[in-house]
């Protein structure tokens, strides 16, 4: 397992969660493994969410029989806590708190799913869509992405609800072009840029001219200008990363249906391939994650790309189903 103290992407967390689920259901799980898994889940709410998703995926493919469940928070050893306020808490208050909490955890995902399903434009796993707006602005919507378009006489606004989109903006001095991705506001100062929204971060890449990025109007940070050939990412934990130079041709390859990598770690390459195929490719041996990969791969056939990588690096796969592939 990787160092839990370092920031991780959602895909990396999901991979680690699947590793735990696989380990817990090999039939050779020790008490030490179970305790280690429980400790991993306690690292953050994101770790818990990733574990529950992995467990659900495992159940869907039929590898957890009736009565067999991986340890979750509900089955963790009881811990002694002494809360003096507990005896004074009225029963109806406790019930109300529980109902509100349960309602939020049930309603929030349903609301997010509703927003995605009712988006003006959306793509499924492995799909891409080209959109031409009324002013001639062109958008390429990447895999598993969704957005809404709100045009008015005063401004042009895009709400990126999930995923990634590339924008080629038609100039209009009277109406600024703005992309909202959560709390991040990206305003076009030129022509071409890409915004990628992940669960815990937003990345903006400029391939032509410039953009201005900032947090929501309640933020206190000064807007940041990204110039041609630059990229920056934002997360609540770290704020904005310093703008850095990027290979625009390599990063825009997905718009041509290609994945171009040069000396990139296998772990990050597999994370990228996972975006374009249903299910999950999981690296069982952590040592394999650091192997370098170089090549040009066809994103319309991620399984063929995976086979090419396996032959090049002399690694093997075990397919538990089309939706779960283990690399070792």
C-alpha atoms as a PDB file:
ATOM      1  CA  UNK A   1       0.000   0.000   0.000  1.00  0.00           C
ATOM      2  CA  UNK A   2       1.181   3.543  -0.646  1.00  0.00           C
ATOM      3  CA  UNK A   3       1.944   6.078   2.014  1.00  0.00           C
ATOM      4  CA  UNK A   4      -1.462   7.223   3.212  1.00  0.00           C
ATOM      5  CA  UNK A   5      -0.149  10.617   4.286  1.00  0.00           C
ATOM      6  CA  UNK A   6       0.514  11.694   0.704  1.00  0.00           C
ATOM      7  CA  UNK A   7      -2.318  13.211  -1.394  1.00  0.00           C
ATOM      8  CA  UNK A   8      -4.012  10.645  -3.605  1.00  0.00           C
ATOM      9  CA  UNK A   9      -6.367  10.808  -6.548  1.00  0.00           C
ATOM     10  CA  UNK A  10      -9.762   9.159  -6.395  1.00  0.00           C
ATOM     11  CA  UNK A  11      -8.602   6.492  -8.877  1.00  0.00           C
ATOM     12  CA  UNK A  12      -5.595   5.666  -6.720  1.00  0.00           C
ATOM     13  CA  UNK A  13      -7.821   5.323  -3.648  1.00  0.00           C
ATOM     14  CA  UNK A  14     -10.200   3.061  -5.556  1.00  0.00           C
ATOM     15  CA  UNK A  15      -7.299   0.872  -6.659  1.00  0.00           C
ATOM     16  CA  UNK A  16      -6.045   0.520  -3.093  1.00  0.00           C
ATOM     17  CA  UNK A  17      -9.568  -0.211  -1.870  1.00  0.00           C
ATOM     18  CA  UNK A  18      -9.907  -3.007  -4.421  1.00  0.00           C
ATOM     19  CA  UNK A  19      -6.558  -4.400  -3.288  1.00  0.00           C
ATOM     20  CA  UNK A  20      -7.923  -4.586   0.253  1.00  0.00           C
ATOM     21  CA  UNK A  21     -11.147  -6.258  -0.889  1.00  0.00           C
ATOM     22  CA  UNK A  22      -9.206  -8.829  -2.918  1.00  0.00           C
ATOM     23  CA  UNK A  23      -6.902  -9.504   0.023  1.00  0.00           C
ATOM     24  CA  UNK A  24      -9.788  -9.857   2.469  1.00  0.00           C
ATOM     25  CA  UNK A  25     -11.512 -12.463   0.309  1.00  0.00           C
ATOM     26  CA  UNK A  26      -8.595 -14.687  -0.643  1.00  0.00           C
ATOM     27  CA  UNK A  27      -9.477 -17.117   2.156  1.00  0.00           C
ATOM     28  CA  UNK A  28      -6.109 -16.549   3.831  1.00  0.00           C
ATOM     29  CA  UNK A  29      -6.842 -13.312   5.639  1.00  0.00           C
ATOM     30  CA  UNK A  30      -5.232 -12.829   9.049  1.00  0.00           C
ATOM     31  CA  UNK A  31      -6.504 -10.706  11.943  1.00  0.00           C
ATOM     32  CA  UNK A  32      -3.599  -8.404  11.253  1.00  0.00           C
ATOM     33  CA  UNK A  33      -4.840  -7.877   7.670  1.00  0.00           C
ATOM     34  CA  UNK A  34      -8.330  -7.042   8.909  1.00  0.00           C
ATOM     35  CA  UNK A  35      -7.030  -4.540  11.448  1.00  0.00           C
ATOM     36  CA  UNK A  36      -4.788  -2.955   8.813  1.00  0.00           C
ATOM     37  CA  UNK A  37      -7.787  -2.627   6.485  1.00  0.00           C
ATOM     38  CA  UNK A  38      -9.840  -0.983   9.217  1.00  0.00           C
ATOM     39  CA  UNK A  39      -7.001   1.445   9.940  1.00  0.00           C
ATOM     40  CA  UNK A  40      -6.778   2.279   6.218  1.00  0.00           C
ATOM     41  CA  UNK A  41     -10.505   3.066   6.080  1.00  0.00           C
ATOM     42  CA  UNK A  42     -10.165   5.384   9.090  1.00  0.00           C
ATOM     43  CA  UNK A  43      -7.623   7.591   7.296  1.00  0.00           C
ATOM     44  CA  UNK A  44     -10.347   9.776   5.768  1.00  0.00           C
ATOM     45  CA  UNK A  45     -13.979   9.771   4.594  1.00  0.00           C
ATOM     46  CA  UNK A  46     -12.650   9.367   1.043  1.00  0.00           C
ATOM     47  CA  UNK A  47     -10.944   6.116   2.055  1.00  0.00           C
ATOM     48  CA  UNK A  48     -14.222   4.819   3.507  1.00  0.00           C
ATOM     49  CA  UNK A  49     -16.180   5.759   0.376  1.00  0.00           C
ATOM     50  CA  UNK A  50     -13.587   4.076  -1.864  1.00  0.00           C
ATOM     51  CA  UNK A  51     -13.731   0.882   0.227  1.00  0.00           C
ATOM     52  CA  UNK A  52     -17.526   0.688   0.117  1.00  0.00           C
ATOM     53  CA  UNK A  53     -17.477   1.205  -3.669  1.00  0.00           C
ATOM     54  CA  UNK A  54     -14.887  -1.545  -4.078  1.00  0.00           C
ATOM     55  CA  UNK A  55     -16.890  -3.890  -1.887  1.00  0.00           C
ATOM     56  CA  UNK A  56     -20.028  -3.160  -3.949  1.00  0.00           C
ATOM     57  CA  UNK A  57     -18.153  -3.886  -7.194  1.00  0.00           C
ATOM     58  CA  UNK A  58     -16.878  -7.157  -5.757  1.00  0.00           C
ATOM     59  CA  UNK A  59     -20.418  -8.182  -4.822  1.00  0.00           C
ATOM     60  CA  UNK A  60     -21.734  -7.312  -8.287  1.00  0.00           C
ATOM     61  CA  UNK A  61     -19.373  -9.741  -9.976  1.00  0.00           C
ATOM     62  CA  UNK A  62     -20.450 -12.481  -7.606  1.00  0.00           C
ATOM     63  CA  UNK A  63     -17.336 -12.995  -5.533  1.00  0.00           C
ATOM     64  CA  UNK A  64     -18.930 -12.402  -2.164  1.00  0.00           C
ATOM     65  CA  UNK A  65     -21.374 -15.102  -1.150  1.00  0.00           C
ATOM     66  CA  UNK A  66     -24.234 -14.792   1.251  1.00  0.00           C
ATOM     67  CA  UNK A  67     -23.083 -14.165   4.764  1.00  0.00           C
ATOM     68  CA  UNK A  68     -19.564 -13.118   3.692  1.00  0.00           C
ATOM     69  CA  UNK A  69     -18.827  -9.447   4.190  1.00  0.00           C
ATOM     70  CA  UNK A  70     -15.571  -7.600   4.381  1.00  0.00           C
ATOM     71  CA  UNK A  71     -15.114  -5.709   7.616  1.00  0.00           C
ATOM     72  CA  UNK A  72     -16.648  -2.261   7.638  1.00  0.00           C
ATOM     73  CA  UNK A  73     -17.070   0.383  10.242  1.00  0.00           C
ATOM     74  CA  UNK A  74     -20.074  -1.453  11.615  1.00  0.00           C
ATOM     75  CA  UNK A  75     -17.977  -4.556  12.386  1.00  0.00           C
ATOM     76  CA  UNK A  76     -14.958  -2.855  13.865  1.00  0.00           C
ATOM     77  CA  UNK A  77     -13.981  -3.719  17.429  1.00  0.00           C
ATOM     78  CA  UNK A  78     -15.836  -1.570  19.908  1.00  0.00           C
ATOM     79  CA  UNK A  79     -13.835   1.270  21.371  1.00  0.00           C
ATOM     80  CA  UNK A  80     -14.487   2.841  24.719  1.00  0.00           C
ATOM     81  CA  UNK A  81     -15.449   6.469  24.542  1.00  0.00           C
ATOM     82  CA  UNK A  82     -16.492   8.509  27.514  1.00  0.00           C
ATOM     83  CA  UNK A  83     -18.792  11.336  26.423  1.00  0.00           C
ATOM     84  CA  UNK A  84     -20.312  13.206  29.349  1.00  0.00           C
ATOM     85  CA  UNK A  85     -22.889  14.773  27.073  1.00  0.00           C
ATOM     86  CA  UNK A  86     -24.357  11.421  26.033  1.00  0.00           C
ATOM     87  CA  UNK A  87     -26.618  10.823  29.101  1.00  0.00           C
ATOM     88  CA  UNK A  88     -28.034  14.318  28.732  1.00  0.00           C
ATOM     89  CA  UNK A  89     -28.859  13.930  25.032  1.00  0.00           C
ATOM     90  CA  UNK A  90     -32.602  13.587  24.615  1.00  0.00           C
ATOM     91  CA  UNK A  91     -33.750  10.542  22.619  1.00  0.00           C
ATOM     92  CA  UNK A  92     -35.693  12.599  20.106  1.00  0.00           C
ATOM     93  CA  UNK A  93     -32.604  14.765  19.469  1.00  0.00           C
ATOM     94  CA  UNK A  94     -30.533  11.679  18.783  1.00  0.00           C
ATOM     95  CA  UNK A  95     -33.170  10.305  16.417  1.00  0.00           C
ATOM     96  CA  UNK A  96     -33.358  13.639  14.594  1.00  0.00           C
ATOM     97  CA  UNK A  97     -29.570  13.762  14.200  1.00  0.00           C
ATOM     98  CA  UNK A  98     -29.493  10.201  12.892  1.00  0.00           C
ATOM     99  CA  UNK A  99     -32.298  10.881  10.437  1.00  0.00           C
ATOM    100  CA  UNK A 100     -30.660  14.055   9.171  1.00  0.00           C
ATOM    101  CA  UNK A 101     -27.314  12.325   8.778  1.00  0.00           C
ATOM    102  CA  UNK A 102     -28.819   9.320   7.030  1.00  0.00           C
ATOM    103  CA  UNK A 103     -30.913  11.594   4.836  1.00  0.00           C
ATOM    104  CA  UNK A 104     -27.875  13.556   3.740  1.00  0.00           C
ATOM    105  CA  UNK A 105     -25.791  10.489   2.884  1.00  0.00           C
ATOM    106  CA  UNK A 106     -28.703   9.003   0.934  1.00  0.00           C
ATOM    107  CA  UNK A 107     -29.926  12.193  -0.720  1.00  0.00           C
ATOM    108  CA  UNK A 108     -26.607  13.798  -1.744  1.00  0.00           C
ATOM    109  CA  UNK A 109     -25.511  10.939  -4.060  1.00  0.00           C
ATOM    110  CA  UNK A 110     -29.010  10.735  -5.554  1.00  0.00           C
ATOM    111  CA  UNK A 111     -29.015  14.486  -6.181  1.00  0.00           C
ATOM    112  CA  UNK A 112     -25.581  14.325  -7.821  1.00  0.00           C
ATOM    113  CA  UNK A 113     -26.722  11.409  -9.979  1.00  0.00           C
ATOM    114  CA  UNK A 114     -29.864  13.304 -10.978  1.00  0.00           C
ATOM    115  CA  UNK A 115     -27.801  16.316 -12.021  1.00  0.00           C
ATOM    116  CA  UNK A 116     -25.570  14.128 -14.174  1.00  0.00           C
ATOM    117  CA  UNK A 117     -28.472  12.263 -15.763  1.00  0.00           C
ATOM    118  CA  UNK A 118     -30.294  15.501 -16.621  1.00  0.00           C
ATOM    119  CA  UNK A 119     -27.224  17.391 -17.892  1.00  0.00           C
ATOM    120  CA  UNK A 120     -27.501  19.093 -21.281  1.00  0.00           C
ATOM    121  CA  UNK A 121     -24.593  17.011 -22.573  1.00  0.00           C
ATOM    122  CA  UNK A 122     -23.053  13.854 -21.106  1.00  0.00           C
ATOM    123  CA  UNK A 123     -20.938  10.885 -22.153  1.00  0.00           C
ATOM    124  CA  UNK A 124     -20.601   7.342 -20.859  1.00  0.00           C
ATOM    125  CA  UNK A 125     -17.435   5.387 -20.122  1.00  0.00           C
ATOM    126  CA  UNK A 126     -15.196   5.358 -23.203  1.00  0.00           C
ATOM    127  CA  UNK A 127     -17.381   7.823 -25.107  1.00  0.00           C
ATOM    128  CA  UNK A 128     -16.559  11.276 -26.446  1.00  0.00           C
ATOM    129  CA  UNK A 129     -18.813  13.922 -27.966  1.00  0.00           C
ATOM    130  CA  UNK A 130     -18.117  17.031 -30.028  1.00  0.00           C
ATOM    131  CA  UNK A 131     -20.427  19.979 -29.380  1.00  0.00           C
ATOM    132  CA  UNK A 132     -20.796  23.215 -31.350  1.00  0.00           C
ATOM    133  CA  UNK A 133     -22.554  25.983 -29.413  1.00  0.00           C
ATOM    134  CA  UNK A 134     -24.706  28.741 -30.900  1.00  0.00           C
ATOM    135  CA  UNK A 135     -21.796  31.213 -31.053  1.00  0.00           C
ATOM    136  CA  UNK A 136     -19.491  28.740 -32.806  1.00  0.00           C
ATOM    137  CA  UNK A 137     -17.572  27.728 -29.670  1.00  0.00           C
ATOM    138  CA  UNK A 138     -16.516  24.086 -29.926  1.00  0.00           C
ATOM    139  CA  UNK A 139     -16.362  21.623 -27.029  1.00  0.00           C
ATOM    140  CA  UNK A 140     -14.992  18.088 -26.942  1.00  0.00           C
ATOM    141  CA  UNK A 141     -16.501  16.210 -24.013  1.00  0.00           C
ATOM    142  CA  UNK A 142     -14.278  13.378 -22.799  1.00  0.00           C
ATOM    143  CA  UNK A 143     -15.200  10.020 -21.278  1.00  0.00           C
ATOM    144  CA  UNK A 144     -17.768   9.901 -18.438  1.00  0.00           C
ATOM    145  CA  UNK A 145     -18.331  13.661 -18.407  1.00  0.00           C
ATOM    146  CA  UNK A 146     -21.312  15.981 -18.115  1.00  0.00           C
ATOM    147  CA  UNK A 147     -21.969  19.695 -18.496  1.00  0.00           C
ATOM    148  CA  UNK A 148     -24.707  22.310 -18.742  1.00  0.00           C
ATOM    149  CA  UNK A 149     -24.702  25.347 -21.030  1.00  0.00           C
ATOM    150  CA  UNK A 150     -26.169  28.668 -19.869  1.00  0.00           C
ATOM    151  CA  UNK A 151     -26.028  31.474 -22.443  1.00  0.00           C
ATOM    152  CA  UNK A 152     -27.481  34.943 -21.897  1.00  0.00           C
ATOM    153  CA  UNK A 153     -27.086  38.366 -23.558  1.00  0.00           C
ATOM    154  CA  UNK A 154     -24.515  39.285 -20.870  1.00  0.00           C
ATOM    155  CA  UNK A 155     -22.339  36.186 -20.559  1.00  0.00           C
ATOM    156  CA  UNK A 156     -21.634  32.633 -21.661  1.00  0.00           C
ATOM    157  CA  UNK A 157     -21.399  30.059 -18.876  1.00  0.00           C
ATOM    158  CA  UNK A 158     -20.571  26.363 -18.817  1.00  0.00           C
ATOM    159  CA  UNK A 159     -21.126  24.221 -15.721  1.00  0.00           C
ATOM    160  CA  UNK A 160     -18.816  21.208 -15.839  1.00  0.00           C
ATOM    161  CA  UNK A 161     -20.541  18.720 -13.546  1.00  0.00           C
ATOM    162  CA  UNK A 162     -18.055  15.870 -13.962  1.00  0.00           C
ATOM    163  CA  UNK A 163     -15.166  14.708 -16.103  1.00  0.00           C
ATOM    164  CA  UNK A 164     -13.186  16.640 -18.685  1.00  0.00           C
ATOM    165  CA  UNK A 165     -13.882  19.020 -21.543  1.00  0.00           C
ATOM    166  CA  UNK A 166     -11.723  20.827 -24.118  1.00  0.00           C
ATOM    167  CA  UNK A 167     -12.878  24.287 -25.225  1.00  0.00           C
ATOM    168  CA  UNK A 168     -12.132  26.233 -28.409  1.00  0.00           C
ATOM    169  CA  UNK A 169     -13.791  29.560 -27.670  1.00  0.00           C
ATOM    170  CA  UNK A 170     -15.174  32.015 -30.207  1.00  0.00           C
ATOM    171  CA  UNK A 171     -14.141  35.570 -29.306  1.00  0.00           C
ATOM    172  CA  UNK A 172     -16.877  37.876 -28.000  1.00  0.00           C
ATOM    173  CA  UNK A 173     -15.729  40.947 -26.049  1.00  0.00           C
ATOM    174  CA  UNK A 174     -19.262  41.725 -24.936  1.00  0.00           C
ATOM    175  CA  UNK A 175     -19.875  38.300 -23.356  1.00  0.00           C
ATOM    176  CA  UNK A 176     -17.135  36.635 -21.326  1.00  0.00           C
ATOM    177  CA  UNK A 177     -16.827  32.838 -21.560  1.00  0.00           C
ATOM    178  CA  UNK A 178     -16.706  31.210 -18.112  1.00  0.00           C
ATOM    179  CA  UNK A 179     -16.471  27.580 -17.014  1.00  0.00           C
ATOM    180  CA  UNK A 180     -17.677  26.634 -13.516  1.00  0.00           C
ATOM    181  CA  UNK A 181     -16.311  23.377 -12.104  1.00  0.00           C
ATOM    182  CA  UNK A 182     -17.441  23.217  -8.504  1.00  0.00           C
ATOM    183  CA  UNK A 183     -15.912  26.218  -6.715  1.00  0.00           C
ATOM    184  CA  UNK A 184     -13.418  26.865  -9.522  1.00  0.00           C
ATOM    185  CA  UNK A 185     -14.059  29.578 -12.106  1.00  0.00           C
ATOM    186  CA  UNK A 186     -12.124  29.521 -15.382  1.00  0.00           C
ATOM    187  CA  UNK A 187     -12.516  32.555 -17.644  1.00  0.00           C
ATOM    188  CA  UNK A 188     -11.230  32.455 -21.213  1.00  0.00           C
ATOM    189  CA  UNK A 189      -8.759  35.176 -22.121  1.00  0.00           C
ATOM    190  CA  UNK A 190      -7.978  33.473 -25.409  1.00  0.00           C
ATOM    191  CA  UNK A 191      -8.945  30.412 -27.375  1.00  0.00           C
ATOM    192  CA  UNK A 192      -8.146  26.854 -26.317  1.00  0.00           C
ATOM    193  CA  UNK A 193      -8.031  25.223 -22.893  1.00  0.00           C
ATOM    194  CA  UNK A 194      -9.057  22.054 -21.064  1.00  0.00           C
ATOM    195  CA  UNK A 195     -10.762  21.698 -17.671  1.00  0.00           C
ATOM    196  CA  UNK A 196     -10.757  18.365 -15.861  1.00  0.00           C
ATOM    197  CA  UNK A 197     -12.928  17.954 -12.777  1.00  0.00           C
ATOM    198  CA  UNK A 198     -12.157  15.104 -10.385  1.00  0.00           C
ATOM    199  CA  UNK A 199     -13.807  14.353  -7.031  1.00  0.00           C
ATOM    200  CA  UNK A 200     -11.145  16.198  -5.021  1.00  0.00           C
ATOM    201  CA  UNK A 201      -9.396  18.460  -7.522  1.00  0.00           C
ATOM    202  CA  UNK A 202      -9.742  20.540 -10.689  1.00  0.00           C
ATOM    203  CA  UNK A 203      -6.998  20.811 -13.332  1.00  0.00           C
ATOM    204  CA  UNK A 204      -6.851  23.540 -15.988  1.00  0.00           C
ATOM    205  CA  UNK A 205      -4.550  23.267 -19.016  1.00  0.00           C
ATOM    206  CA  UNK A 206      -4.034  26.013 -21.616  1.00  0.00           C
ATOM    207  CA  UNK A 207      -3.057  25.052 -25.156  1.00  0.00           C
ATOM    208  CA  UNK A 208      -3.539  28.451 -26.795  1.00  0.00           C
ATOM    209  CA  UNK A 209      -3.479  32.044 -25.457  1.00  0.00           C
ATOM    210  CA  UNK A 210      -4.485  32.284 -21.755  1.00  0.00           C
ATOM    211  CA  UNK A 211      -7.168  31.830 -19.094  1.00  0.00           C
ATOM    212  CA  UNK A 212      -7.847  33.289 -15.659  1.00  0.00           C
ATOM    213  CA  UNK A 213      -8.658  30.869 -12.844  1.00  0.00           C
ATOM    214  CA  UNK A 214      -9.999  31.607  -9.380  1.00  0.00           C
ATOM    215  CA  UNK A 215     -12.052  30.139  -6.571  1.00  0.00           C
ATOM    216  CA  UNK A 216     -15.707  31.080  -6.042  1.00  0.00           C
ATOM    217  CA  UNK A 217     -16.494  34.759  -5.316  1.00  0.00           C
ATOM    218  CA  UNK A 218     -16.260  34.052  -1.565  1.00  0.00           C
ATOM    219  CA  UNK A 219     -12.604  33.105  -1.929  1.00  0.00           C
ATOM    220  CA  UNK A 220      -9.894  35.572  -0.939  1.00  0.00           C
ATOM    221  CA  UNK A 221      -7.112  34.458  -3.262  1.00  0.00           C
ATOM    222  CA  UNK A 222      -6.073  36.627  -6.166  1.00  0.00           C
ATOM    223  CA  UNK A 223      -7.051  35.224  -9.578  1.00  0.00           C
ATOM    224  CA  UNK A 224      -4.304  33.273 -11.321  1.00  0.00           C
ATOM    225  CA  UNK A 225      -3.481  33.693 -15.017  1.00  0.00           C
ATOM    226  CA  UNK A 226      -2.333  30.611 -16.938  1.00  0.00           C
ATOM    227  CA  UNK A 227      -0.574  31.203 -20.219  1.00  0.00           C
ATOM    228  CA  UNK A 228      -0.194  29.031 -23.285  1.00  0.00           C
ATOM    229  CA  UNK A 229       1.506  25.723 -22.489  1.00  0.00           C
ATOM    230  CA  UNK A 230       0.826  25.933 -18.744  1.00  0.00           C
ATOM    231  CA  UNK A 231      -1.198  23.831 -16.325  1.00  0.00           C
ATOM    232  CA  UNK A 232      -2.303  24.224 -12.697  1.00  0.00           C
ATOM    233  CA  UNK A 233      -4.438  22.167 -10.307  1.00  0.00           C
ATOM    234  CA  UNK A 234      -6.586  23.118  -7.340  1.00  0.00           C
ATOM    235  CA  UNK A 235      -7.596  21.090  -4.288  1.00  0.00           C
ATOM    236  CA  UNK A 236      -9.177  22.237  -1.043  1.00  0.00           C
ATOM    237  CA  UNK A 237      -6.290  20.726   0.882  1.00  0.00           C
ATOM    238  CA  UNK A 238      -3.445  22.417  -1.020  1.00  0.00           C
ATOM    239  CA  UNK A 239      -5.018  25.289  -2.922  1.00  0.00           C
ATOM    240  CA  UNK A 240      -3.559  26.138  -6.338  1.00  0.00           C
ATOM    241  CA  UNK A 241      -0.395  24.431  -7.493  1.00  0.00           C
ATOM    242  CA  UNK A 242       2.210  26.683  -9.133  1.00  0.00           C
ATOM    243  CA  UNK A 243       1.666  26.907 -12.911  1.00  0.00           C
ATOM    244  CA  UNK A 244       4.037  24.574 -14.741  1.00  0.00           C
ATOM    245  CA  UNK A 245       4.920  23.894 -18.365  1.00  0.00           C
ATOM    246  CA  UNK A 246       3.288  20.918 -20.080  1.00  0.00           C
ATOM    247  CA  UNK A 247       3.543  19.060 -23.386  1.00  0.00           C
ATOM    248  CA  UNK A 248       0.341  20.279 -25.026  1.00  0.00           C
ATOM    249  CA  UNK A 249       0.488  17.670 -27.814  1.00  0.00           C
ATOM    250  CA  UNK A 250       0.772  14.823 -25.326  1.00  0.00           C
ATOM    251  CA  UNK A 251      -1.976  16.090 -23.026  1.00  0.00           C
ATOM    252  CA  UNK A 252      -4.397  16.814 -25.865  1.00  0.00           C
ATOM    253  CA  UNK A 253      -3.909  13.379 -27.446  1.00  0.00           C
ATOM    254  CA  UNK A 254      -7.177  12.135 -25.920  1.00  0.00           C
ATOM    255  CA  UNK A 255      -9.002  14.548 -28.228  1.00  0.00           C
ATOM    256  CA  UNK A 256      -7.632  12.449 -31.109  1.00  0.00           C
ATOM    257  CA  UNK A 257      -8.475   9.169 -29.393  1.00  0.00           C
ATOM    258  CA  UNK A 258      -4.884   8.509 -28.321  1.00  0.00           C
ATOM    259  CA  UNK A 259      -2.948   8.148 -25.080  1.00  0.00           C
ATOM    260  CA  UNK A 260       0.691   9.251 -25.414  1.00  0.00           C
ATOM    261  CA  UNK A 261       3.051   8.458 -22.534  1.00  0.00           C
ATOM    262  CA  UNK A 262       6.811   8.772 -22.251  1.00  0.00           C
ATOM    263  CA  UNK A 263       8.571   7.277 -19.237  1.00  0.00           C
ATOM    264  CA  UNK A 264       5.377   7.446 -17.199  1.00  0.00           C
ATOM    265  CA  UNK A 265       4.754   5.222 -14.173  1.00  0.00           C
ATOM    266  CA  UNK A 266       2.554   2.194 -14.838  1.00  0.00           C
ATOM    267  CA  UNK A 267       0.292   3.174 -11.934  1.00  0.00           C
ATOM    268  CA  UNK A 268      -0.700   6.481 -13.530  1.00  0.00           C
ATOM    269  CA  UNK A 269      -1.060   4.901 -16.993  1.00  0.00           C
ATOM    270  CA  UNK A 270      -3.464   2.287 -15.630  1.00  0.00           C
ATOM    271  CA  UNK A 271      -5.431   5.033 -13.842  1.00  0.00           C
ATOM    272  CA  UNK A 272      -5.842   6.736 -17.212  1.00  0.00           C
ATOM    273  CA  UNK A 273      -6.891   3.532 -19.011  1.00  0.00           C
ATOM    274  CA  UNK A 274      -9.453   2.890 -16.264  1.00  0.00           C
ATOM    275  CA  UNK A 275     -11.262   6.054 -17.345  1.00  0.00           C
ATOM    276  CA  UNK A 276     -11.979   4.561 -20.776  1.00  0.00           C
ATOM    277  CA  UNK A 277     -13.227   1.069 -19.927  1.00  0.00           C
ATOM    278  CA  UNK A 278     -15.970  -0.280 -17.637  1.00  0.00           C
ATOM    279  CA  UNK A 279     -14.888  -1.899 -14.379  1.00  0.00           C
ATOM    280  CA  UNK A 280     -11.383  -1.666 -12.981  1.00  0.00           C
ATOM    281  CA  UNK A 281      -7.840  -2.723 -13.797  1.00  0.00           C
ATOM    282  CA  UNK A 282      -6.067  -3.360 -10.499  1.00  0.00           C
ATOM    283  CA  UNK A 283      -2.318  -3.640  -9.902  1.00  0.00           C
ATOM    284  CA  UNK A 284      -1.841  -6.270  -7.197  1.00  0.00           C
ATOM    285  CA  UNK A 285       1.905  -5.867  -6.701  1.00  0.00           C
ATOM    286  CA  UNK A 286       2.719  -2.290  -5.555  1.00  0.00           C
ATOM    287  CA  UNK A 287       6.250  -2.661  -6.968  1.00  0.00           C
ATOM    288  CA  UNK A 288       4.794  -2.770 -10.480  1.00  0.00           C
ATOM    289  CA  UNK A 289       3.337   0.735 -10.127  1.00  0.00           C
ATOM    290  CA  UNK A 290       6.730   2.393 -10.630  1.00  0.00           C
ATOM    291  CA  UNK A 291       7.590   0.570 -13.883  1.00  0.00           C
ATOM    292  CA  UNK A 292       8.074   3.036 -16.746  1.00  0.00           C
ATOM    293  CA  UNK A 293       5.764   2.968 -19.750  1.00  0.00           C
ATOM    294  CA  UNK A 294       6.404   4.603 -23.128  1.00  0.00           C
ATOM    295  CA  UNK A 295       4.106   4.341 -26.107  1.00  0.00           C
ATOM    296  CA  UNK A 296       1.100   5.542 -28.079  1.00  0.00           C
ATOM    297  CA  UNK A 297      -2.118   3.714 -27.288  1.00  0.00           C
ATOM    298  CA  UNK A 298      -5.591   3.675 -28.844  1.00  0.00           C
ATOM    299  CA  UNK A 299      -8.167   4.844 -26.296  1.00  0.00           C
ATOM    300  CA  UNK A 300     -10.989   3.372 -28.371  1.00  0.00           C
ATOM    301  CA  UNK A 301      -9.589  -0.077 -27.488  1.00  0.00           C
ATOM    302  CA  UNK A 302      -8.152   0.140 -23.950  1.00  0.00           C
ATOM    303  CA  UNK A 303      -7.977  -3.670 -23.651  1.00  0.00           C
ATOM    304  CA  UNK A 304      -5.623  -3.804 -26.642  1.00  0.00           C
ATOM    305  CA  UNK A 305      -3.547  -1.056 -25.021  1.00  0.00           C
ATOM    306  CA  UNK A 306      -3.398  -3.109 -21.830  1.00  0.00           C
ATOM    307  CA  UNK A 307      -2.205  -6.207 -23.700  1.00  0.00           C
ATOM    308  CA  UNK A 308       0.530  -4.189 -25.383  1.00  0.00           C
ATOM    309  CA  UNK A 309       1.713  -2.884 -22.005  1.00  0.00           C
ATOM    310  CA  UNK A 310       1.697  -6.412 -20.558  1.00  0.00           C
ATOM    311  CA  UNK A 311       3.855  -7.734 -23.399  1.00  0.00           C
ATOM    312  CA  UNK A 312       6.288  -4.837 -23.156  1.00  0.00           C
ATOM    313  CA  UNK A 313       6.747  -5.036 -19.369  1.00  0.00           C
ATOM    314  CA  UNK A 314       6.447  -8.851 -19.158  1.00  0.00           C
ATOM    315  CA  UNK A 315       3.636  -8.743 -16.628  1.00  0.00           C
ATOM    316  CA  UNK A 316       0.559 -10.952 -16.412  1.00  0.00           C
ATOM    317  CA  UNK A 317      -3.151 -10.459 -15.905  1.00  0.00           C
ATOM    318  CA  UNK A 318      -5.905 -12.463 -14.277  1.00  0.00           C
ATOM    319  CA  UNK A 319      -9.418 -11.541 -15.418  1.00  0.00           C
ATOM    320  CA  UNK A 320     -11.981 -12.301 -12.730  1.00  0.00           C
ATOM    321  CA  UNK A 321     -14.515 -10.855 -15.159  1.00  0.00           C
ATOM    322  CA  UNK A 322     -14.481  -8.245 -17.895  1.00  0.00           C
ATOM    323  CA  UNK A 323     -15.014  -5.705 -15.127  1.00  0.00           C
ATOM    324  CA  UNK A 324     -12.117  -6.698 -12.868  1.00  0.00           C
ATOM    325  CA  UNK A 325      -8.631  -7.358 -14.245  1.00  0.00           C
ATOM    326  CA  UNK A 326      -5.725  -8.051 -11.876  1.00  0.00           C
ATOM    327  CA  UNK A 327      -2.145  -7.279 -12.939  1.00  0.00           C
ATOM    328  CA  UNK A 328       0.679  -9.205 -11.266  1.00  0.00           C
END
